[in-house]
Amino acid sequence: MIVVYDQPKDQEGFEKYYNEVHIPLVQKIPNLTGAEVHRVLQSMYTEDKLYLIAELQFENPESLTQALATPEFQISLNF
């Protein structure tokens, strides 16, 4: 699963919440086998001002589908 974040208006506030609240919530998602966060330095073929790309890894599509239905995943969407 790929999650793309646009450039935040309050970068310092975003970083604080993302690192202190959001990542710990994501780590509780069942079936998650790995996660990586990548900073976007430059993008091509888009006018979007991209900031971060998060890659959430699951063993297979079924485990992803199961994770999407959990309360832990739903809470992480409140970002």
PDB file of N, CA and C in Angstrom:
ATOM      1  N   MET A   1       0.857  -1.155   0.000  1.00  0.00           N
ATOM      2  CA  MET A   1       0.000   0.000   0.000  1.00  0.00           C
ATOM      3  C   MET A   1       0.907   1.222   0.000  1.00  0.00           C
ATOM      4  N   ILE A   2       0.589   2.178  -0.864  1.00  0.00           N
ATOM      5  CA  ILE A   2       1.352   3.416  -0.962  1.00  0.00           C
ATOM      6  C   ILE A   2       0.470   4.571  -0.492  1.00  0.00           C
ATOM      7  N   VAL A   3       1.014   5.413   0.395  1.00  0.00           N
ATOM      8  CA  VAL A   3       0.309   6.600   0.882  1.00  0.00           C
ATOM      9  C   VAL A   3       1.159   7.808   0.511  1.00  0.00           C
ATOM     10  N   VAL A   4       0.540   8.788  -0.137  1.00  0.00           N
ATOM     11  CA  VAL A   4       1.256   9.972  -0.593  1.00  0.00           C
ATOM     12  C   VAL A   4       0.741  11.190   0.180  1.00  0.00           C
ATOM     13  N   TYR A   5       1.671  11.972   0.692  1.00  0.00           N
ATOM     14  CA  TYR A   5       1.327  13.171   1.443  1.00  0.00           C
ATOM     15  C   TYR A   5       1.804  14.405   0.685  1.00  0.00           C
ATOM     16  N   ASP A   6       0.939  15.392   0.563  1.00  0.00           N
ATOM     17  CA  ASP A   6       1.311  16.675  -0.023  1.00  0.00           C
ATOM     18  C   ASP A   6       2.101  17.498   0.983  1.00  0.00           C
ATOM     19  N   GLN A   7       2.770  18.497   0.473  1.00  0.00           N
ATOM     20  CA  GLN A   7       3.524  19.424   1.314  1.00  0.00           C
ATOM     21  C   GLN A   7       2.582  20.019   2.373  1.00  0.00           C
ATOM     22  N   PRO A   8       2.890  19.853   3.661  1.00  0.00           N
ATOM     23  CA  PRO A   8       2.010  20.401   4.705  1.00  0.00           C
ATOM     24  C   PRO A   8       2.176  21.905   4.849  1.00  0.00           C
ATOM     25  N   LYS A   9       1.109  22.561   5.265  1.00  0.00           N
ATOM     26  CA  LYS A   9       1.180  24.004   5.527  1.00  0.00           C
ATOM     27  C   LYS A   9       2.038  24.272   6.759  1.00  0.00           C
ATOM     28  N   ASP A  10       1.926  23.400   7.760  1.00  0.00           N
ATOM     29  CA  ASP A  10       2.710  23.520   8.996  1.00  0.00           C
ATOM     30  C   ASP A  10       3.644  22.312   9.057  1.00  0.00           C
ATOM     31  N   GLN A  11       4.810  22.447   8.460  1.00  0.00           N
ATOM     32  CA  GLN A  11       5.734  21.316   8.368  1.00  0.00           C
ATOM     33  C   GLN A  11       6.178  20.827   9.741  1.00  0.00           C
ATOM     34  N   GLU A  12       6.464  21.729  10.655  1.00  0.00           N
ATOM     35  CA  GLU A  12       6.905  21.336  11.996  1.00  0.00           C
ATOM     36  C   GLU A  12       5.803  20.585  12.737  1.00  0.00           C
ATOM     37  N   GLY A  13       4.569  21.075  12.655  1.00  0.00           N
ATOM     38  CA  GLY A  13       3.442  20.402  13.287  1.00  0.00           C
ATOM     39  C   GLY A  13       3.173  19.042  12.667  1.00  0.00           C
ATOM     40  N   PHE A  14       3.279  18.961  11.350  1.00  0.00           N
ATOM     41  CA  PHE A  14       3.107  17.686  10.645  1.00  0.00           C
ATOM     42  C   PHE A  14       4.127  16.673  11.136  1.00  0.00           C
ATOM     43  N   GLU A  15       5.395  17.066  11.138  1.00  0.00           N
ATOM     44  CA  GLU A  15       6.473  16.157  11.545  1.00  0.00           C
ATOM     45  C   GLU A  15       6.271  15.660  12.975  1.00  0.00           C
ATOM     46  N   LYS A  16       5.904  16.564  13.866  1.00  0.00           N
ATOM     47  CA  LYS A  16       5.701  16.183  15.270  1.00  0.00           C
ATOM     48  C   LYS A  16       4.578  15.163  15.380  1.00  0.00           C
ATOM     49  N   TYR A  17       3.415  15.448  14.779  1.00  0.00           N
ATOM     50  CA  TYR A  17       2.283  14.527  14.861  1.00  0.00           C
ATOM     51  C   TYR A  17       2.598  13.209  14.150  1.00  0.00           C
ATOM     52  N   TYR A  18       3.171  13.294  12.973  1.00  0.00           N
ATOM     53  CA  TYR A  18       3.461  12.098  12.181  1.00  0.00           C
ATOM     54  C   TYR A  18       4.376  11.145  12.940  1.00  0.00           C
ATOM     55  N   ASN A  19       5.436  11.688  13.525  1.00  0.00           N
ATOM     56  CA  ASN A  19       6.420  10.848  14.213  1.00  0.00           C
ATOM     57  C   ASN A  19       5.986  10.391  15.605  1.00  0.00           C
ATOM     58  N   GLU A  20       5.286  11.258  16.325  1.00  0.00           N
ATOM     59  CA  GLU A  20       4.937  10.934  17.714  1.00  0.00           C
ATOM     60  C   GLU A  20       3.591  10.240  17.867  1.00  0.00           C
ATOM     61  N   VAL A  21       2.675  10.462  16.927  1.00  0.00           N
ATOM     62  CA  VAL A  21       1.327   9.899  17.055  1.00  0.00           C
ATOM     63  C   VAL A  21       1.006   8.916  15.918  1.00  0.00           C
ATOM     64  N   HIS A  22       1.169   9.375  14.685  1.00  0.00           N
ATOM     65  CA  HIS A  22       0.715   8.578  13.544  1.00  0.00           C
ATOM     66  C   HIS A  22       1.518   7.278  13.368  1.00  0.00           C
ATOM     67  N   ILE A  23       2.827   7.364  13.382  1.00  0.00           N
ATOM     68  CA  ILE A  23       3.637   6.155  13.190  1.00  0.00           C
ATOM     69  C   ILE A  23       3.364   5.116  14.275  1.00  0.00           C
ATOM     70  N   PRO A  24       3.294   5.482  15.562  1.00  0.00           N
ATOM     71  CA  PRO A  24       2.950   4.474  16.565  1.00  0.00           C
ATOM     72  C   PRO A  24       1.575   3.824  16.316  1.00  0.00           C
ATOM     73  N   LEU A  25       0.607   4.595  15.806  1.00  0.00           N
ATOM     74  CA  LEU A  25      -0.699   4.007  15.476  1.00  0.00           C
ATOM     75  C   LEU A  25      -0.571   3.013  14.319  1.00  0.00           C
ATOM     76  N   VAL A  26       0.159   3.395  13.303  1.00  0.00           N
ATOM     77  CA  VAL A  26       0.329   2.520  12.139  1.00  0.00           C
ATOM     78  C   VAL A  26       1.023   1.221  12.533  1.00  0.00           C
ATOM     79  N   GLN A  27       1.963   1.293  13.439  1.00  0.00           N
ATOM     80  CA  GLN A  27       2.689   0.095  13.870  1.00  0.00           C
ATOM     81  C   GLN A  27       1.786  -0.920  14.556  1.00  0.00           C
ATOM     82  N   LYS A  28       0.595  -0.510  14.980  1.00  0.00           N
ATOM     83  CA  LYS A  28      -0.355  -1.414  15.634  1.00  0.00           C
ATOM     84  C   LYS A  28      -1.293  -2.096  14.639  1.00  0.00           C
ATOM     85  N   ILE A  29      -1.207  -1.744  13.358  1.00  0.00           N
ATOM     86  CA  ILE A  29      -2.102  -2.337  12.358  1.00  0.00           C
ATOM     87  C   ILE A  29      -1.769  -3.822  12.200  1.00  0.00           C
ATOM     88  N   PRO A  30      -2.763  -4.688  12.372  1.00  0.00           N
ATOM     89  CA  PRO A  30      -2.525  -6.123  12.208  1.00  0.00           C
ATOM     90  C   PRO A  30      -2.075  -6.457  10.783  1.00  0.00           C
ATOM     91  N   ASN A  31      -1.272  -7.469  10.661  1.00  0.00           N
ATOM     92  CA  ASN A  31      -0.789  -8.011   9.388  1.00  0.00           C
ATOM     93  C   ASN A  31       0.271  -7.148   8.712  1.00  0.00           C
ATOM     94  N   LEU A  32       0.653  -6.044   9.300  1.00  0.00           N
ATOM     95  CA  LEU A  32       1.686  -5.192   8.721  1.00  0.00           C
ATOM     96  C   LEU A  32       3.026  -5.900   8.853  1.00  0.00           C
ATOM     97  N   THR A  33       3.716  -6.102   7.740  1.00  0.00           N
ATOM     98  CA  THR A  33       5.004  -6.805   7.780  1.00  0.00           C
ATOM     99  C   THR A  33       6.192  -5.856   7.638  1.00  0.00           C
ATOM    100  N   GLY A  34       5.919  -4.612   7.252  1.00  0.00           N
ATOM    101  CA  GLY A  34       6.995  -3.644   7.122  1.00  0.00           C
ATOM    102  C   GLY A  34       6.441  -2.297   6.704  1.00  0.00           C
ATOM    103  N   ALA A  35       7.234  -1.276   6.919  1.00  0.00           N
ATOM    104  CA  ALA A  35       6.829   0.074   6.519  1.00  0.00           C
ATOM    105  C   ALA A  35       8.077   0.905   6.270  1.00  0.00           C
ATOM    106  N   GLU A  36       7.987   1.746   5.256  1.00  0.00           N
ATOM    107  CA  GLU A  36       9.079   2.651   4.926  1.00  0.00           C
ATOM    108  C   GLU A  36       8.487   4.020   4.623  1.00  0.00           C
ATOM    109  N   VAL A  37       9.220   5.050   4.998  1.00  0.00           N
ATOM    110  CA  VAL A  37       8.809   6.422   4.703  1.00  0.00           C
ATOM    111  C   VAL A  37       9.913   7.050   3.862  1.00  0.00           C
ATOM    112  N   HIS A  38       9.505   7.682   2.767  1.00  0.00           N
ATOM    113  CA  HIS A  38      10.456   8.301   1.844  1.00  0.00           C
ATOM    114  C   HIS A  38      10.116   9.779   1.689  1.00  0.00           C
ATOM    115  N   ARG A  39      11.095  10.620   1.803  1.00  0.00           N
ATOM    116  CA  ARG A  39      10.919  12.054   1.562  1.00  0.00           C
ATOM    117  C   ARG A  39      10.993  12.300   0.062  1.00  0.00           C
ATOM    118  N   VAL A  40      10.111  13.130  -0.435  1.00  0.00           N
ATOM    119  CA  VAL A  40      10.107  13.470  -1.856  1.00  0.00           C
ATOM    120  C   VAL A  40      10.987  14.700  -2.043  1.00  0.00           C
ATOM    121  N   LEU A  41      12.041  14.536  -2.795  1.00  0.00           N
ATOM    122  CA  LEU A  41      12.943  15.646  -3.073  1.00  0.00           C
ATOM    123  C   LEU A  41      12.567  16.339  -4.374  1.00  0.00           C
ATOM    124  N   GLN A  42      12.049  15.542  -5.300  1.00  0.00           N
ATOM    125  CA  GLN A  42      11.663  16.085  -6.599  1.00  0.00           C
ATOM    126  C   GLN A  42      10.649  15.128  -7.217  1.00  0.00           C
ATOM    127  N   SER A  43       9.688  15.668  -7.921  1.00  0.00           N
ATOM    128  CA  SER A  43       8.717  14.822  -8.609  1.00  0.00           C
ATOM    129  C   SER A  43       8.627  15.252 -10.066  1.00  0.00           C
ATOM    130  N   MET A  44       8.216  14.321 -10.895  1.00  0.00           N
ATOM    131  CA  MET A  44       8.101  14.583 -12.329  1.00  0.00           C
ATOM    132  C   MET A  44       6.661  14.363 -12.777  1.00  0.00           C
ATOM    133  N   TYR A  45       6.277  15.092 -13.796  1.00  0.00           N
ATOM    134  CA  TYR A  45       4.987  14.916 -14.457  1.00  0.00           C
ATOM    135  C   TYR A  45       3.791  15.211 -13.556  1.00  0.00           C
ATOM    136  N   THR A  46       3.979  16.081 -12.579  1.00  0.00           N
ATOM    137  CA  THR A  46       2.876  16.479 -11.716  1.00  0.00           C
ATOM    138  C   THR A  46       3.124  17.894 -11.202  1.00  0.00           C
ATOM    139  N   GLU A  47       2.041  18.584 -10.972  1.00  0.00           N
ATOM    140  CA  GLU A  47       2.119  19.907 -10.350  1.00  0.00           C
ATOM    141  C   GLU A  47       1.955  19.809  -8.833  1.00  0.00           C
ATOM    142  N   ASP A  48       1.623  18.606  -8.352  1.00  0.00           N
ATOM    143  CA  ASP A  48       1.450  18.402  -6.919  1.00  0.00           C
ATOM    144  C   ASP A  48       2.764  18.656  -6.191  1.00  0.00           C
ATOM    145  N   LYS A  49       2.650  19.221  -5.015  1.00  0.00           N
ATOM    146  CA  LYS A  49       3.820  19.456  -4.176  1.00  0.00           C
ATOM    147  C   LYS A  49       3.901  18.314  -3.160  1.00  0.00           C
ATOM    148  N   LEU A  50       4.524  17.234  -3.564  1.00  0.00           N
ATOM    149  CA  LEU A  50       4.597  16.037  -2.740  1.00  0.00           C
ATOM    150  C   LEU A  50       5.636  16.210  -1.640  1.00  0.00           C
ATOM    151  N   TYR A  51       5.369  15.581  -0.501  1.00  0.00           N
ATOM    152  CA  TYR A  51       6.224  15.725   0.679  1.00  0.00           C
ATOM    153  C   TYR A  51       6.786  14.379   1.145  1.00  0.00           C
ATOM    154  N   LEU A  52       5.884  13.430   1.377  1.00  0.00           N
ATOM    155  CA  LEU A  52       6.284  12.097   1.840  1.00  0.00           C
ATOM    156  C   LEU A  52       5.541  11.031   1.058  1.00  0.00           C
ATOM    157  N   ILE A  53       6.184   9.878   0.956  1.00  0.00           N
ATOM    158  CA  ILE A  53       5.522   8.683   0.453  1.00  0.00           C
ATOM    159  C   ILE A  53       5.776   7.591   1.481  1.00  0.00           C
ATOM    160  N   ALA A  54       4.709   6.994   1.965  1.00  0.00           N
ATOM    161  CA  ALA A  54       4.828   5.895   2.929  1.00  0.00           C
ATOM    162  C   ALA A  54       4.431   4.600   2.224  1.00  0.00           C
ATOM    163  N   GLU A  55       5.228   3.591   2.423  1.00  0.00           N
ATOM    164  CA  GLU A  55       4.960   2.279   1.834  1.00  0.00           C
ATOM    165  C   GLU A  55       4.675   1.304   2.973  1.00  0.00           C
ATOM    166  N   LEU A  56       3.460   0.791   3.005  1.00  0.00           N
ATOM    167  CA  LEU A  56       3.072  -0.198   4.013  1.00  0.00           C
ATOM    168  C   LEU A  56       3.057  -1.561   3.344  1.00  0.00           C
ATOM    169  N   GLN A  57       3.705  -2.517   3.976  1.00  0.00           N
ATOM    170  CA  GLN A  57       3.866  -3.832   3.361  1.00  0.00           C
ATOM    171  C   GLN A  57       3.041  -4.878   4.096  1.00  0.00           C
ATOM    172  N   PHE A  58       2.405  -5.720   3.290  1.00  0.00           N
ATOM    173  CA  PHE A  58       1.596  -6.830   3.792  1.00  0.00           C
ATOM    174  C   PHE A  58       1.988  -8.075   3.018  1.00  0.00           C
ATOM    175  N   GLU A  59       1.789  -9.232   3.627  1.00  0.00           N
ATOM    176  CA  GLU A  59       2.211 -10.488   3.020  1.00  0.00           C
ATOM    177  C   GLU A  59       1.500 -10.762   1.701  1.00  0.00           C
ATOM    178  N   ASN A  60       0.211 -10.412   1.641  1.00  0.00           N
ATOM    179  CA  ASN A  60      -0.561 -10.682   0.435  1.00  0.00           C
ATOM    180  C   ASN A  60      -1.794  -9.775   0.417  1.00  0.00           C
ATOM    181  N   PRO A  61      -2.513  -9.745  -0.694  1.00  0.00           N
ATOM    182  CA  PRO A  61      -3.701  -8.874  -0.771  1.00  0.00           C
ATOM    183  C   PRO A  61      -4.756  -9.191   0.286  1.00  0.00           C
ATOM    184  N   GLU A  62      -4.890 -10.440   0.649  1.00  0.00           N
ATOM    185  CA  GLU A  62      -5.885 -10.820   1.651  1.00  0.00           C
ATOM    186  C   GLU A  62      -5.547 -10.238   3.020  1.00  0.00           C
ATOM    187  N   SER A  63      -4.276 -10.267   3.387  1.00  0.00           N
ATOM    188  CA  SER A  63      -3.894  -9.708   4.693  1.00  0.00           C
ATOM    189  C   SER A  63      -4.056  -8.185   4.693  1.00  0.00           C
ATOM    190  N   LEU A  64      -3.849  -7.545   3.546  1.00  0.00           N
ATOM    191  CA  LEU A  64      -4.110  -6.107   3.435  1.00  0.00           C
ATOM    192  C   LEU A  64      -5.594  -5.826   3.614  1.00  0.00           C
ATOM    193  N   THR A  65      -6.427  -6.585   2.933  1.00  0.00           N
ATOM    194  CA  THR A  65      -7.879  -6.406   3.039  1.00  0.00           C
ATOM    195  C   THR A  65      -8.341  -6.574   4.481  1.00  0.00           C
ATOM    196  N   GLN A  66      -7.823  -7.571   5.176  1.00  0.00           N
ATOM    197  CA  GLN A  66      -8.175  -7.784   6.575  1.00  0.00           C
ATOM    198  C   GLN A  66      -7.722  -6.593   7.430  1.00  0.00           C
ATOM    199  N   ALA A  67      -6.521  -6.085   7.170  1.00  0.00           N
ATOM    200  CA  ALA A  67      -5.999  -4.955   7.940  1.00  0.00           C
ATOM    201  C   ALA A  67      -6.843  -3.704   7.732  1.00  0.00           C
ATOM    202  N   LEU A  68      -7.312  -3.482   6.509  1.00  0.00           N
ATOM    203  CA  LEU A  68      -8.115  -2.293   6.208  1.00  0.00           C
ATOM    204  C   LEU A  68      -9.408  -2.243   7.020  1.00  0.00           C
ATOM    205  N   ALA A  69      -9.892  -3.388   7.436  1.00  0.00           N
ATOM    206  CA  ALA A  69     -11.162  -3.465   8.163  1.00  0.00           C
ATOM    207  C   ALA A  69     -11.003  -3.342   9.676  1.00  0.00           C
ATOM    208  N   THR A  70      -9.781  -3.236  10.161  1.00  0.00           N
ATOM    209  CA  THR A  70      -9.562  -3.230  11.611  1.00  0.00           C
ATOM    210  C   THR A  70      -9.716  -1.833  12.203  1.00  0.00           C
ATOM    211  N   PRO A  71     -10.071  -1.770  13.492  1.00  0.00           N
ATOM    212  CA  PRO A  71     -10.149  -0.475  14.176  1.00  0.00           C
ATOM    213  C   PRO A  71      -8.799   0.258  14.164  1.00  0.00           C
ATOM    214  N   GLU A  72      -7.709  -0.482  14.262  1.00  0.00           N
ATOM    215  CA  GLU A  72      -6.377   0.134  14.267  1.00  0.00           C
ATOM    216  C   GLU A  72      -6.128   0.909  12.967  1.00  0.00           C
ATOM    217  N   PHE A  73      -6.526   0.310  11.848  1.00  0.00           N
ATOM    218  CA  PHE A  73      -6.348   0.995  10.576  1.00  0.00           C
ATOM    219  C   PHE A  73      -7.256   2.214  10.482  1.00  0.00           C
ATOM    220  N   GLN A  74      -8.493   2.068  10.917  1.00  0.00           N
ATOM    221  CA  GLN A  74      -9.439   3.182  10.851  1.00  0.00           C
ATOM    222  C   GLN A  74      -8.967   4.369  11.681  1.00  0.00           C
ATOM    223  N   ILE A  75      -8.388   4.100  12.847  1.00  0.00           N
ATOM    224  CA  ILE A  75      -7.854   5.171  13.697  1.00  0.00           C
ATOM    225  C   ILE A  75      -6.710   5.883  12.991  1.00  0.00           C
ATOM    226  N   SER A  76      -5.867   5.132  12.285  1.00  0.00           N
ATOM    227  CA  SER A  76      -4.719   5.739  11.611  1.00  0.00           C
ATOM    228  C   SER A  76      -5.161   6.677  10.469  1.00  0.00           C
ATOM    229  N   LEU A  77      -6.376   6.516   9.986  1.00  0.00           N
ATOM    230  CA  LEU A  77      -6.878   7.379   8.906  1.00  0.00           C
ATOM    231  C   LEU A  77      -7.205   8.785   9.388  1.00  0.00           C
ATOM    232  N   ASN A  78      -7.301   8.976  10.680  1.00  0.00           N
ATOM    233  CA  ASN A  78      -7.657  10.288  11.232  1.00  0.00           C
ATOM    234  C   ASN A  78      -6.500  11.273  11.183  1.00  0.00           C
ATOM    235  N   PHE A  79      -5.576  11.062  10.307  1.00  0.00           N
ATOM    236  CA  PHE A  79      -4.391  11.920  10.200  1.00  0.00           C
ATOM    237  C   PHE A  79      -4.681  13.105   9.345  1.00  0.00           C
TER     238      PHE A  79
END
